[in-house]
Amino acid sequence: MAGAPLIVLLLGLACTALAANWAYRSAAGLRAERLERLATRAELTLAGRLDTYVALLRGGAGLFAASQDVSTEEFNRYAKSFISRSAIPACRGSVFPRRSGRTPRPTAASASSSR
């Protein structure tokens, strides 16, 4: 039985290698799951923000389509209606857009007929 210690050593090393491999794969799987959860959360956050921005743009388009001439006061009232009740980062810099030229603005009727 002179070779028994060598066999025990080799079996111990093999078990250690198997356990280390299992622990590595398990940790890698946990990291991949965590990354997937974080990516999903970021995707949902961005999708929600984009939906909010689209709704704001559509509301602004509706404001301009409903009036022949939108005054600064009308636009400020519109902007304050959602800036005061939200924490939308893009709305902090909302300003009244100035027209650069005398190009005719499409009316609501022409905008709906072009769809």
PDB file of N, CA and C in Angstrom:
ATOM      1  N   MET A   1       0.808  -1.180   0.000  1.00  0.00           N
ATOM      2  CA  MET A   1       0.000   0.000   0.000  1.00  0.00           C
ATOM      3  C   MET A   1       0.859   1.254   0.000  1.00  0.00           C
ATOM      4  N   ALA A   2       1.936   1.177  -0.645  1.00  0.00           N
ATOM      5  CA  ALA A   2       2.822   2.329  -0.724  1.00  0.00           C
ATOM      6  C   ALA A   2       2.255   3.387  -1.656  1.00  0.00           C
ATOM      7  N   GLY A   3       1.420   2.998  -2.603  1.00  0.00           N
ATOM      8  CA  GLY A   3       0.862   3.949  -3.557  1.00  0.00           C
ATOM      9  C   GLY A   3      -0.437   4.592  -3.078  1.00  0.00           C
ATOM     10  N   ALA A   4      -0.941   4.207  -1.910  1.00  0.00           N
ATOM     11  CA  ALA A   4      -2.211   4.743  -1.404  1.00  0.00           C
ATOM     12  C   ALA A   4      -2.152   6.250  -1.186  1.00  0.00           C
ATOM     13  N   PRO A   5      -1.098   6.803  -0.583  1.00  0.00           N
ATOM     14  CA  PRO A   5      -1.063   8.259  -0.416  1.00  0.00           C
ATOM     15  C   PRO A   5      -1.081   9.007  -1.751  1.00  0.00           C
ATOM     16  N   LEU A   6      -0.418   8.411  -2.757  1.00  0.00           N
ATOM     17  CA  LEU A   6      -0.407   9.049  -4.072  1.00  0.00           C
ATOM     18  C   LEU A   6      -1.805   9.036  -4.693  1.00  0.00           C
ATOM     19  N   ILE A   7      -2.527   7.933  -4.530  1.00  0.00           N
ATOM     20  CA  ILE A   7      -3.889   7.836  -5.059  1.00  0.00           C
ATOM     21  C   ILE A   7      -4.802   8.843  -4.346  1.00  0.00           C
ATOM     22  N   VAL A   8      -4.669   8.952  -3.033  1.00  0.00           N
ATOM     23  CA  VAL A   8      -5.472   9.904  -2.263  1.00  0.00           C
ATOM     24  C   VAL A   8      -5.161  11.336  -2.717  1.00  0.00           C
ATOM     25  N   LEU A   9      -3.892  11.625  -2.932  1.00  0.00           N
ATOM     26  CA  LEU A   9      -3.494  12.951  -3.405  1.00  0.00           C
ATOM     27  C   LEU A   9      -4.100  13.244  -4.774  1.00  0.00           C
ATOM     28  N   LEU A  10      -4.017  12.321  -5.703  1.00  0.00           N
ATOM     29  CA  LEU A  10      -4.561  12.524  -7.037  1.00  0.00           C
ATOM     30  C   LEU A  10      -6.083  12.663  -7.005  1.00  0.00           C
ATOM     31  N   LEU A  11      -6.762  11.845  -6.201  1.00  0.00           N
ATOM     32  CA  LEU A  11      -8.210  11.964  -6.065  1.00  0.00           C
ATOM     33  C   LEU A  11      -8.590  13.317  -5.453  1.00  0.00           C
ATOM     34  N   GLY A  12      -7.845  13.760  -4.472  1.00  0.00           N
ATOM     35  CA  GLY A  12      -8.094  15.061  -3.835  1.00  0.00           C
ATOM     36  C   GLY A  12      -7.904  16.206  -4.823  1.00  0.00           C
ATOM     37  N   LEU A  13      -6.845  16.135  -5.644  1.00  0.00           N
ATOM     38  CA  LEU A  13      -6.601  17.156  -6.654  1.00  0.00           C
ATOM     39  C   LEU A  13      -7.702  17.153  -7.716  1.00  0.00           C
ATOM     40  N   ALA A  14      -8.162  15.984  -8.114  1.00  0.00           N
ATOM     41  CA  ALA A  14      -9.228  15.882  -9.111  1.00  0.00           C
ATOM     42  C   ALA A  14     -10.527  16.470  -8.553  1.00  0.00           C
ATOM     43  N   CYS A  15     -10.849  16.129  -7.306  1.00  0.00           N
ATOM     44  CA  CYS A  15     -12.062  16.680  -6.677  1.00  0.00           C
ATOM     45  C   CYS A  15     -11.952  18.192  -6.529  1.00  0.00           C
ATOM     46  N   THR A  16     -10.791  18.685  -6.187  1.00  0.00           N
ATOM     47  CA  THR A  16     -10.583  20.127  -6.054  1.00  0.00           C
ATOM     48  C   THR A  16     -10.756  20.813  -7.406  1.00  0.00           C
ATOM     49  N   ALA A  17     -10.210  20.224  -8.462  1.00  0.00           N
ATOM     50  CA  ALA A  17     -10.338  20.795  -9.800  1.00  0.00           C
ATOM     51  C   ALA A  17     -11.802  20.800 -10.239  1.00  0.00           C
ATOM     52  N   LEU A  18     -12.525  19.724  -9.973  1.00  0.00           N
ATOM     53  CA  LEU A  18     -13.948  19.677 -10.326  1.00  0.00           C
ATOM     54  C   LEU A  18     -14.747  20.722  -9.537  1.00  0.00           C
ATOM     55  N   ALA A  19     -14.457  20.859  -8.256  1.00  0.00           N
ATOM     56  CA  ALA A  19     -15.172  21.833  -7.427  1.00  0.00           C
ATOM     57  C   ALA A  19     -14.857  23.259  -7.885  1.00  0.00           C
ATOM     58  N   ALA A  20     -13.606  23.539  -8.220  1.00  0.00           N
ATOM     59  CA  ALA A  20     -13.232  24.874  -8.690  1.00  0.00           C
ATOM     60  C   ALA A  20     -13.910  25.180 -10.028  1.00  0.00           C
ATOM     61  N   ASN A  21     -13.978  24.204 -10.913  1.00  0.00           N
ATOM     62  CA  ASN A  21     -14.642  24.379 -12.208  1.00  0.00           C
ATOM     63  C   ASN A  21     -16.134  24.638 -11.997  1.00  0.00           C
ATOM     64  N   TRP A  22     -16.781  23.892 -11.110  1.00  0.00           N
ATOM     65  CA  TRP A  22     -18.200  24.089 -10.822  1.00  0.00           C
ATOM     66  C   TRP A  22     -18.447  25.488 -10.245  1.00  0.00           C
ATOM     67  N   ALA A  23     -17.590  25.916  -9.307  1.00  0.00           N
ATOM     68  CA  ALA A  23     -17.747  27.240  -8.699  1.00  0.00           C
ATOM     69  C   ALA A  23     -17.561  28.343  -9.743  1.00  0.00           C
ATOM     70  N   TYR A  24     -16.596  28.176 -10.638  1.00  0.00           N
ATOM     71  CA  TYR A  24     -16.356  29.174 -11.686  1.00  0.00           C
ATOM     72  C   TYR A  24     -17.565  29.286 -12.612  1.00  0.00           C
ATOM     73  N   ARG A  25     -18.079  28.134 -13.056  1.00  0.00           N
ATOM     74  CA  ARG A  25     -19.241  28.149 -13.953  1.00  0.00           C
ATOM     75  C   ARG A  25     -20.483  28.710 -13.258  1.00  0.00           C
ATOM     76  N   SER A  26     -20.642  28.393 -12.000  1.00  0.00           N
ATOM     77  CA  SER A  26     -21.783  28.898 -11.247  1.00  0.00           C
ATOM     78  C   SER A  26     -21.707  30.424 -11.114  1.00  0.00           C
ATOM     79  N   ALA A  27     -20.528  30.936 -10.792  1.00  0.00           N
ATOM     80  CA  ALA A  27     -20.343  32.388 -10.663  1.00  0.00           C
ATOM     81  C   ALA A  27     -20.524  33.076 -12.011  1.00  0.00           C
ATOM     82  N   ALA A  28     -20.052  32.459 -13.086  1.00  0.00           N
ATOM     83  CA  ALA A  28     -20.218  33.040 -14.420  1.00  0.00           C
ATOM     84  C   ALA A  28     -21.697  33.091 -14.798  1.00  0.00           C
ATOM     85  N   GLY A  29     -22.440  32.056 -14.450  1.00  0.00           N
ATOM     86  CA  GLY A  29     -23.872  32.054 -14.715  1.00  0.00           C
ATOM     87  C   GLY A  29     -24.598  33.139 -13.933  1.00  0.00           C
ATOM     88  N   LEU A  30     -24.211  33.330 -12.678  1.00  0.00           N
ATOM     89  CA  LEU A  30     -24.824  34.386 -11.864  1.00  0.00           C
ATOM     90  C   LEU A  30     -24.506  35.767 -12.439  1.00  0.00           C
ATOM     91  N   ARG A  31     -23.271  35.958 -12.892  1.00  0.00           N
ATOM     92  CA  ARG A  31     -22.904  37.242 -13.498  1.00  0.00           C
ATOM     93  C   ARG A  31     -23.693  37.488 -14.774  1.00  0.00           C
ATOM     94  N   ALA A  32     -23.869  36.443 -15.569  1.00  0.00           N
ATOM     95  CA  ALA A  32     -24.630  36.592 -16.819  1.00  0.00           C
ATOM     96  C   ALA A  32     -26.090  36.924 -16.515  1.00  0.00           C
ATOM     97  N   GLU A  33     -26.679  36.281 -15.512  1.00  0.00           N
ATOM     98  CA  GLU A  33     -28.069  36.587 -15.129  1.00  0.00           C
ATOM     99  C   GLU A  33     -28.198  38.016 -14.623  1.00  0.00           C
ATOM    100  N   ARG A  34     -27.245  38.446 -13.833  1.00  0.00           N
ATOM    101  CA  ARG A  34     -27.277  39.821 -13.308  1.00  0.00           C
ATOM    102  C   ARG A  34     -27.154  40.833 -14.437  1.00  0.00           C
ATOM    103  N   LEU A  35     -26.250  40.570 -15.372  1.00  0.00           N
ATOM    104  CA  LEU A  35     -26.087  41.455 -16.524  1.00  0.00           C
ATOM    105  C   LEU A  35     -27.375  41.519 -17.344  1.00  0.00           C
ATOM    106  N   GLU A  36     -28.019  40.387 -17.517  1.00  0.00           N
ATOM    107  CA  GLU A  36     -29.283  40.342 -18.265  1.00  0.00           C
ATOM    108  C   GLU A  36     -30.365  41.167 -17.560  1.00  0.00           C
ATOM    109  N   ARG A  37     -30.465  41.040 -16.235  1.00  0.00           N
ATOM    110  CA  ARG A  37     -31.441  41.830 -15.475  1.00  0.00           C
ATOM    111  C   ARG A  37     -31.160  43.320 -15.592  1.00  0.00           C
ATOM    112  N   LEU A  38     -29.885  43.707 -15.472  1.00  0.00           N
ATOM    113  CA  LEU A  38     -29.526  45.121 -15.577  1.00  0.00           C
ATOM    114  C   LEU A  38     -29.807  45.663 -16.978  1.00  0.00           C
ATOM    115  N   ALA A  39     -29.517  44.863 -17.993  1.00  0.00           N
ATOM    116  CA  ALA A  39     -29.777  45.299 -19.368  1.00  0.00           C
ATOM    117  C   ALA A  39     -31.277  45.444 -19.614  1.00  0.00           C
ATOM    118  N   THR A  40     -32.069  44.530 -19.092  1.00  0.00           N
ATOM    119  CA  THR A  40     -33.526  44.615 -19.239  1.00  0.00           C
ATOM    120  C   THR A  40     -34.067  45.844 -18.531  1.00  0.00           C
ATOM    121  N   ARG A  41     -33.565  46.107 -17.331  1.00  0.00           N
ATOM    122  CA  ARG A  41     -34.012  47.290 -16.586  1.00  0.00           C
ATOM    123  C   ARG A  41     -33.647  48.570 -17.336  1.00  0.00           C
ATOM    124  N   ALA A  42     -32.432  48.627 -17.873  1.00  0.00           N
ATOM    125  CA  ALA A  42     -32.017  49.813 -18.642  1.00  0.00           C
ATOM    126  C   ALA A  42     -32.867  49.965 -19.906  1.00  0.00           C
ATOM    127  N   GLU A  43     -33.167  48.865 -20.562  1.00  0.00           N
ATOM    128  CA  GLU A  43     -33.997  48.920 -21.768  1.00  0.00           C
ATOM    129  C   GLU A  43     -35.393  49.444 -21.445  1.00  0.00           C
ATOM    130  N   LEU A  44     -35.983  48.963 -20.360  1.00  0.00           N
ATOM    131  CA  LEU A  44     -37.319  49.423 -19.977  1.00  0.00           C
ATOM    132  C   LEU A  44     -37.310  50.899 -19.584  1.00  0.00           C
ATOM    133  N   THR A  45     -36.261  51.331 -18.890  1.00  0.00           N
ATOM    134  CA  THR A  45     -36.149  52.732 -18.511  1.00  0.00           C
ATOM    135  C   THR A  45     -36.052  53.617 -19.745  1.00  0.00           C
ATOM    136  N   LEU A  46     -35.193  53.226 -20.688  1.00  0.00           N
ATOM    137  CA  LEU A  46     -35.041  54.014 -21.918  1.00  0.00           C
ATOM    138  C   LEU A  46     -36.314  54.008 -22.756  1.00  0.00           C
ATOM    139  N   ALA A  47     -36.975  52.865 -22.831  1.00  0.00           N
ATOM    140  CA  ALA A  47     -38.221  52.796 -23.604  1.00  0.00           C
ATOM    141  C   ALA A  47     -39.278  53.707 -22.981  1.00  0.00           C
ATOM    142  N   GLY A  48     -39.342  53.734 -21.655  1.00  0.00           N
ATOM    143  CA  GLY A  48     -40.295  54.617 -20.985  1.00  0.00           C
ATOM    144  C   GLY A  48     -39.987  56.078 -21.241  1.00  0.00           C
ATOM    145  N   ARG A  49     -38.715  56.426 -21.188  1.00  0.00           N
ATOM    146  CA  ARG A  49     -38.336  57.818 -21.468  1.00  0.00           C
ATOM    147  C   ARG A  49     -38.654  58.202 -22.902  1.00  0.00           C
ATOM    148  N   LEU A  50     -38.356  57.312 -23.828  1.00  0.00           N
ATOM    149  CA  LEU A  50     -38.650  57.609 -25.227  1.00  0.00           C
ATOM    150  C   LEU A  50     -40.147  57.772 -25.453  1.00  0.00           C
ATOM    151  N   ASP A  51     -40.947  56.917 -24.817  1.00  0.00           N
ATOM    152  CA  ASP A  51     -42.401  57.061 -24.929  1.00  0.00           C
ATOM    153  C   ASP A  51     -42.855  58.411 -24.389  1.00  0.00           C
ATOM    154  N   THR A  52     -42.252  58.842 -23.280  1.00  0.00           N
ATOM    155  CA  THR A  52     -42.593  60.142 -22.704  1.00  0.00           C
ATOM    156  C   THR A  52     -42.222  61.267 -23.654  1.00  0.00           C
ATOM    157  N   TYR A  53     -41.031  61.189 -24.241  1.00  0.00           N
ATOM    158  CA  TYR A  53     -40.589  62.243 -25.156  1.00  0.00           C
ATOM    159  C   TYR A  53     -41.469  62.287 -26.401  1.00  0.00           C
ATOM    160  N   VAL A  54     -41.865  61.123 -26.904  1.00  0.00           N
ATOM    161  CA  VAL A  54     -42.747  61.087 -28.074  1.00  0.00           C
ATOM    162  C   VAL A  54     -44.087  61.727 -27.727  1.00  0.00           C
ATOM    163  N   ALA A  55     -44.611  61.423 -26.544  1.00  0.00           N
ATOM    164  CA  ALA A  55     -45.881  62.022 -26.130  1.00  0.00           C
ATOM    165  C   ALA A  55     -45.752  63.536 -26.003  1.00  0.00           C
ATOM    166  N   LEU A  56     -44.632  64.007 -25.478  1.00  0.00           N
ATOM    167  CA  LEU A  56     -44.416  65.450 -25.364  1.00  0.00           C
ATOM    168  C   LEU A  56     -44.332  66.104 -26.742  1.00  0.00           C
ATOM    169  N   LEU A  57     -43.633  65.454 -27.661  1.00  0.00           N
ATOM    170  CA  LEU A  57     -43.537  65.998 -29.013  1.00  0.00           C
ATOM    171  C   LEU A  57     -44.894  66.023 -29.701  1.00  0.00           C
ATOM    172  N   ARG A  58     -45.679  64.976 -29.503  1.00  0.00           N
ATOM    173  CA  ARG A  58     -47.017  64.955 -30.106  1.00  0.00           C
ATOM    174  C   ARG A  58     -47.910  66.030 -29.491  1.00  0.00           C
ATOM    175  N   GLY A  59     -47.762  66.241 -28.174  1.00  0.00           N
ATOM    176  CA  GLY A  59     -48.527  67.309 -27.537  1.00  0.00           C
ATOM    177  C   GLY A  59     -48.140  68.668 -28.080  1.00  0.00           C
ATOM    178  N   GLY A  60     -46.850  68.903 -28.263  1.00  0.00           N
ATOM    179  CA  GLY A  60     -46.392  70.165 -28.855  1.00  0.00           C
ATOM    180  C   GLY A  60     -46.872  70.322 -30.286  1.00  0.00           C
ATOM    181  N   ALA A  61     -46.854  69.231 -31.033  1.00  0.00           N
ATOM    182  CA  ALA A  61     -47.359  69.292 -32.413  1.00  0.00           C
ATOM    183  C   ALA A  61     -48.844  69.609 -32.418  1.00  0.00           C
ATOM    184  N   GLY A  62     -49.563  69.044 -31.469  1.00  0.00           N
ATOM    185  CA  GLY A  62     -50.993  69.335 -31.363  1.00  0.00           C
ATOM    186  C   GLY A  62     -51.243  70.787 -31.004  1.00  0.00           C
ATOM    187  N   LEU A  63     -50.418  71.330 -30.128  1.00  0.00           N
ATOM    188  CA  LEU A  63     -50.543  72.741 -29.760  1.00  0.00           C
ATOM    189  C   LEU A  63     -50.360  73.625 -30.982  1.00  0.00           C
ATOM    190  N   PHE A  64     -49.334  73.346 -31.770  1.00  0.00           N
ATOM    191  CA  PHE A  64     -49.070  74.163 -32.951  1.00  0.00           C
ATOM    192  C   PHE A  64     -50.097  73.918 -34.054  1.00  0.00           C
ATOM    193  N   ALA A  65     -50.631  72.702 -34.139  1.00  0.00           N
ATOM    194  CA  ALA A  65     -51.637  72.414 -35.160  1.00  0.00           C
ATOM    195  C   ALA A  65     -52.983  73.042 -34.809  1.00  0.00           C
ATOM    196  N   ALA A  66     -53.257  73.212 -33.515  1.00  0.00           N
ATOM    197  CA  ALA A  66     -54.557  73.736 -33.089  1.00  0.00           C
ATOM    198  C   ALA A  66     -54.645  75.251 -33.174  1.00  0.00           C
ATOM    199  N   SER A  67     -53.524  75.916 -33.287  1.00  0.00           N
ATOM    200  CA  SER A  67     -53.534  77.376 -33.290  1.00  0.00           C
ATOM    201  C   SER A  67     -52.795  77.895 -34.513  1.00  0.00           C
ATOM    202  N   GLN A  68     -53.327  78.954 -35.100  1.00  0.00           N
ATOM    203  CA  GLN A  68     -52.662  79.567 -36.245  1.00  0.00           C
ATOM    204  C   GLN A  68     -51.354  80.226 -35.837  1.00  0.00           C
ATOM    205  N   ASP A  69     -51.326  80.784 -34.637  1.00  0.00           N
ATOM    206  CA  ASP A  69     -50.119  81.460 -34.158  1.00  0.00           C
ATOM    207  C   ASP A  69     -49.991  81.189 -32.666  1.00  0.00           C
ATOM    208  N   VAL A  70     -48.994  80.399 -32.284  1.00  0.00           N
ATOM    209  CA  VAL A  70     -48.775  80.065 -30.878  1.00  0.00           C
ATOM    210  C   VAL A  70     -47.923  81.161 -30.261  1.00  0.00           C
ATOM    211  N   SER A  71     -48.463  81.786 -29.235  1.00  0.00           N
ATOM    212  CA  SER A  71     -47.717  82.854 -28.572  1.00  0.00           C
ATOM    213  C   SER A  71     -46.759  82.253 -27.547  1.00  0.00           C
ATOM    214  N   THR A  72     -45.841  83.082 -27.106  1.00  0.00           N
ATOM    215  CA  THR A  72     -44.896  82.652 -26.078  1.00  0.00           C
ATOM    216  C   THR A  72     -45.636  82.250 -24.817  1.00  0.00           C
ATOM    217  N   GLU A  73     -46.674  82.981 -24.461  1.00  0.00           N
ATOM    218  CA  GLU A  73     -47.439  82.672 -23.252  1.00  0.00           C
ATOM    219  C   GLU A  73     -48.136  81.319 -23.375  1.00  0.00           C
ATOM    220  N   GLU A  74     -48.725  81.045 -24.555  1.00  0.00           N
ATOM    221  CA  GLU A  74     -49.382  79.754 -24.760  1.00  0.00           C
ATOM    222  C   GLU A  74     -48.377  78.609 -24.637  1.00  0.00           C
ATOM    223  N   PHE A  75     -47.229  78.786 -25.260  1.00  0.00           N
ATOM    224  CA  PHE A  75     -46.223  77.728 -25.189  1.00  0.00           C
ATOM    225  C   PHE A  75     -45.718  77.555 -23.767  1.00  0.00           C
ATOM    226  N   ASN A  76     -45.499  78.660 -23.057  1.00  0.00           N
ATOM    227  CA  ASN A  76     -45.041  78.563 -21.671  1.00  0.00           C
ATOM    228  C   ASN A  76     -46.071  77.855 -20.802  1.00  0.00           C
ATOM    229  N   ARG A  77     -47.366  78.157 -21.013  1.00  0.00           N
ATOM    230  CA  ARG A  77     -48.418  77.467 -20.258  1.00  0.00           C
ATOM    231  C   ARG A  77     -48.387  75.971 -20.552  1.00  0.00           C
ATOM    232  N   TYR A  78     -48.233  75.628 -21.817  1.00  0.00           N
ATOM    233  CA  TYR A  78     -48.154  74.221 -22.209  1.00  0.00           C
ATOM    234  C   TYR A  78     -46.938  73.558 -21.555  1.00  0.00           C
ATOM    235  N   ALA A  79     -45.795  74.205 -21.649  1.00  0.00           N
ATOM    236  CA  ALA A  79     -44.566  73.622 -21.102  1.00  0.00           C
ATOM    237  C   ALA A  79     -44.648  73.486 -19.589  1.00  0.00           C
ATOM    238  N   LYS A  80     -45.173  74.484 -18.906  1.00  0.00           N
ATOM    239  CA  LYS A  80     -45.272  74.427 -17.445  1.00  0.00           C
ATOM    240  C   LYS A  80     -46.242  73.356 -16.985  1.00  0.00           C
ATOM    241  N   SER A  81     -47.209  72.995 -17.830  1.00  0.00           N
ATOM    242  CA  SER A  81     -48.186  71.987 -17.433  1.00  0.00           C
ATOM    243  C   SER A  81     -47.547  70.620 -17.205  1.00  0.00           C
ATOM    244  N   PHE A  82     -46.461  70.313 -17.877  1.00  0.00           N
ATOM    245  CA  PHE A  82     -45.821  69.026 -17.629  1.00  0.00           C
ATOM    246  C   PHE A  82     -44.480  69.156 -16.932  1.00  0.00           C
ATOM    247  N   ILE A  83     -43.820  70.299 -17.006  1.00  0.00           N
ATOM    248  CA  ILE A  83     -42.539  70.459 -16.322  1.00  0.00           C
ATOM    249  C   ILE A  83     -42.755  70.458 -14.813  1.00  0.00           C
ATOM    250  N   SER A  84     -43.811  71.095 -14.343  1.00  0.00           N
ATOM    251  CA  SER A  84     -44.030  71.203 -12.909  1.00  0.00           C
ATOM    252  C   SER A  84     -44.380  69.868 -12.268  1.00  0.00           C
ATOM    253  N   ARG A  85     -44.945  68.943 -13.015  1.00  0.00           N
ATOM    254  CA  ARG A  85     -45.359  67.683 -12.405  1.00  0.00           C
ATOM    255  C   ARG A  85     -44.496  66.492 -12.812  1.00  0.00           C
ATOM    256  N   SER A  86     -43.352  66.758 -13.390  1.00  0.00           N
ATOM    257  CA  SER A  86     -42.499  65.645 -13.774  1.00  0.00           C
ATOM    258  C   SER A  86     -41.039  65.996 -13.557  1.00  0.00           C
ATOM    259  N   ALA A  87     -40.244  64.946 -13.583  1.00  0.00           N
ATOM    260  CA  ALA A  87     -38.802  65.126 -13.461  1.00  0.00           C
ATOM    261  C   ALA A  87     -38.139  64.653 -14.744  1.00  0.00           C
ATOM    262  N   ILE A  88     -38.665  65.127 -15.863  1.00  0.00           N
ATOM    263  CA  ILE A  88     -38.134  64.712 -17.154  1.00  0.00           C
ATOM    264  C   ILE A  88     -36.903  65.558 -17.459  1.00  0.00           C
ATOM    265  N   PRO A  89     -35.722  64.948 -17.540  1.00  0.00           N
ATOM    266  CA  PRO A  89     -34.495  65.717 -17.748  1.00  0.00           C
ATOM    267  C   PRO A  89     -34.519  66.579 -19.000  1.00  0.00           C
ATOM    268  N   ALA A  90     -35.091  66.103 -20.072  1.00  0.00           N
ATOM    269  CA  ALA A  90     -35.078  66.862 -21.323  1.00  0.00           C
ATOM    270  C   ALA A  90     -35.969  68.090 -21.257  1.00  0.00           C
ATOM    271  N   CYS A  91     -36.914  68.126 -20.340  1.00  0.00           N
ATOM    272  CA  CYS A  91     -37.851  69.247 -20.259  1.00  0.00           C
ATOM    273  C   CYS A  91     -37.268  70.430 -19.498  1.00  0.00           C
ATOM    274  N   ARG A  92     -36.172  70.251 -18.844  1.00  0.00           N
ATOM    275  CA  ARG A  92     -35.585  71.356 -18.081  1.00  0.00           C
ATOM    276  C   ARG A  92     -35.101  72.464 -18.987  1.00  0.00           C
ATOM    277  N   GLY A  93     -34.807  72.142 -20.236  1.00  0.00           N
ATOM    278  CA  GLY A  93     -34.300  73.147 -21.156  1.00  0.00           C
ATOM    279  C   GLY A  93     -35.288  73.545 -22.218  1.00  0.00           C
ATOM    280  N   SER A  94     -36.583  73.310 -21.990  1.00  0.00           N
ATOM    281  CA  SER A  94     -37.582  73.656 -23.007  1.00  0.00           C
ATOM    282  C   SER A  94     -37.657  75.159 -23.193  1.00  0.00           C
ATOM    283  N   VAL A  95     -37.644  75.564 -24.420  1.00  0.00           N
ATOM    284  CA  VAL A  95     -37.748  76.985 -24.755  1.00  0.00           C
ATOM    285  C   VAL A  95     -38.742  77.150 -25.889  1.00  0.00           C
ATOM    286  N   PHE A  96     -39.217  78.356 -26.067  1.00  0.00           N
ATOM    287  CA  PHE A  96     -40.138  78.649 -27.153  1.00  0.00           C
ATOM    288  C   PHE A  96     -39.360  78.663 -28.460  1.00  0.00           C
ATOM    289  N   PRO A  97     -39.757  77.855 -29.439  1.00  0.00           N
ATOM    290  CA  PRO A  97     -39.018  77.826 -30.700  1.00  0.00           C
ATOM    291  C   PRO A  97     -39.345  79.049 -31.558  1.00  0.00           C
ATOM    292  N   ARG A  98     -38.348  79.624 -32.140  1.00  0.00           N
ATOM    293  CA  ARG A  98     -38.551  80.764 -33.035  1.00  0.00           C
ATOM    294  C   ARG A  98     -38.500  80.275 -34.465  1.00  0.00           C
ATOM    295  N   ARG A  99     -39.327  80.875 -35.279  1.00  0.00           N
ATOM    296  CA  ARG A  99     -39.326  80.514 -36.696  1.00  0.00           C
ATOM    297  C   ARG A  99     -38.239  81.281 -37.419  1.00  0.00           C
ATOM    298  N   SER A 100     -37.626  80.618 -38.350  1.00  0.00           N
ATOM    299  CA  SER A 100     -36.560  81.264 -39.115  1.00  0.00           C
ATOM    300  C   SER A 100     -37.006  81.411 -40.557  1.00  0.00           C
ATOM    301  N   GLY A 101     -37.868  82.311 -40.810  1.00  0.00           N
ATOM    302  CA  GLY A 101     -38.335  82.504 -42.174  1.00  0.00           C
ATOM    303  C   GLY A 101     -39.847  82.554 -42.231  1.00  0.00           C
ATOM    304  N   ARG A 102     -40.344  82.779 -43.413  1.00  0.00           N
ATOM    305  CA  ARG A 102     -41.781  82.918 -43.614  1.00  0.00           C
ATOM    306  C   ARG A 102     -42.357  81.728 -44.371  1.00  0.00           C
ATOM    307  N   THR A 103     -41.869  80.524 -44.090  1.00  0.00           N
ATOM    308  CA  THR A 103     -42.419  79.361 -44.776  1.00  0.00           C
ATOM    309  C   THR A 103     -43.782  79.040 -44.176  1.00  0.00           C
ATOM    310  N   PRO A 104     -44.743  78.706 -45.022  1.00  0.00           N
ATOM    311  CA  PRO A 104     -46.076  78.422 -44.498  1.00  0.00           C
ATOM    312  C   PRO A 104     -46.073  77.150 -43.658  1.00  0.00           C
ATOM    313  N   ARG A 105     -46.744  77.211 -42.534  1.00  0.00           N
ATOM    314  CA  ARG A 105     -46.821  76.076 -41.637  1.00  0.00           C
ATOM    315  C   ARG A 105     -47.987  75.186 -42.054  1.00  0.00           C
ATOM    316  N   PRO A 106     -47.777  73.858 -42.034  1.00  0.00           N
ATOM    317  CA  PRO A 106     -48.879  72.976 -42.423  1.00  0.00           C
ATOM    318  C   PRO A 106     -50.016  73.068 -41.413  1.00  0.00           C
ATOM    319  N   THR A 107     -51.221  72.979 -41.893  1.00  0.00           N
ATOM    320  CA  THR A 107     -52.386  73.005 -41.012  1.00  0.00           C
ATOM    321  C   THR A 107     -52.712  71.597 -40.561  1.00  0.00           C
ATOM    322  N   ALA A 108     -53.611  71.484 -39.614  1.00  0.00           N
ATOM    323  CA  ALA A 108     -54.008  70.166 -39.114  1.00  0.00           C
ATOM    324  C   ALA A 108     -54.639  69.341 -40.211  1.00  0.00           C
ATOM    325  N   ALA A 109     -55.408  69.973 -41.092  1.00  0.00           N
ATOM    326  CA  ALA A 109     -56.063  69.243 -42.176  1.00  0.00           C
ATOM    327  C   ALA A 109     -55.042  68.699 -43.163  1.00  0.00           C
ATOM    328  N   SER A 110     -54.028  69.501 -43.511  1.00  0.00           N
ATOM    329  CA  SER A 110     -53.022  69.020 -44.461  1.00  0.00           C
ATOM    330  C   SER A 110     -52.124  67.967 -43.825  1.00  0.00           C
ATOM    331  N   ALA A 111     -51.884  68.067 -42.511  1.00  0.00           N
ATOM    332  CA  ALA A 111     -51.057  67.063 -41.840  1.00  0.00           C
ATOM    333  C   ALA A 111     -51.769  65.716 -41.789  1.00  0.00           C
ATOM    334  N   SER A 112     -53.088  65.726 -41.550  1.00  0.00           N
ATOM    335  CA  SER A 112     -53.801  64.448 -41.482  1.00  0.00           C
ATOM    336  C   SER A 112     -54.018  63.850 -42.872  1.00  0.00           C
ATOM    337  N   SER A 113     -54.085  64.686 -43.891  1.00  0.00           N
ATOM    338  CA  SER A 113     -54.287  64.140 -45.234  1.00  0.00           C
ATOM    339  C   SER A 113     -52.994  63.561 -45.806  1.00  0.00           C
ATOM    340  N   SER A 114     -51.841  63.952 -45.267  1.00  0.00           N
ATOM    341  CA  SER A 114     -50.577  63.424 -45.786  1.00  0.00           C
ATOM    342  C   SER A 114     -50.243  62.057 -45.225  1.00  0.00           C
ATOM    343  N   ARG A 115     -51.014  61.586 -44.266  1.00  0.00           N
ATOM    344  CA  ARG A 115     -50.737  60.267 -43.666  1.00  0.00           C
ATOM    345  C   ARG A 115     -51.217  59.218 -44.526  1.00  0.00           C
TER     346      ARG A 115
END
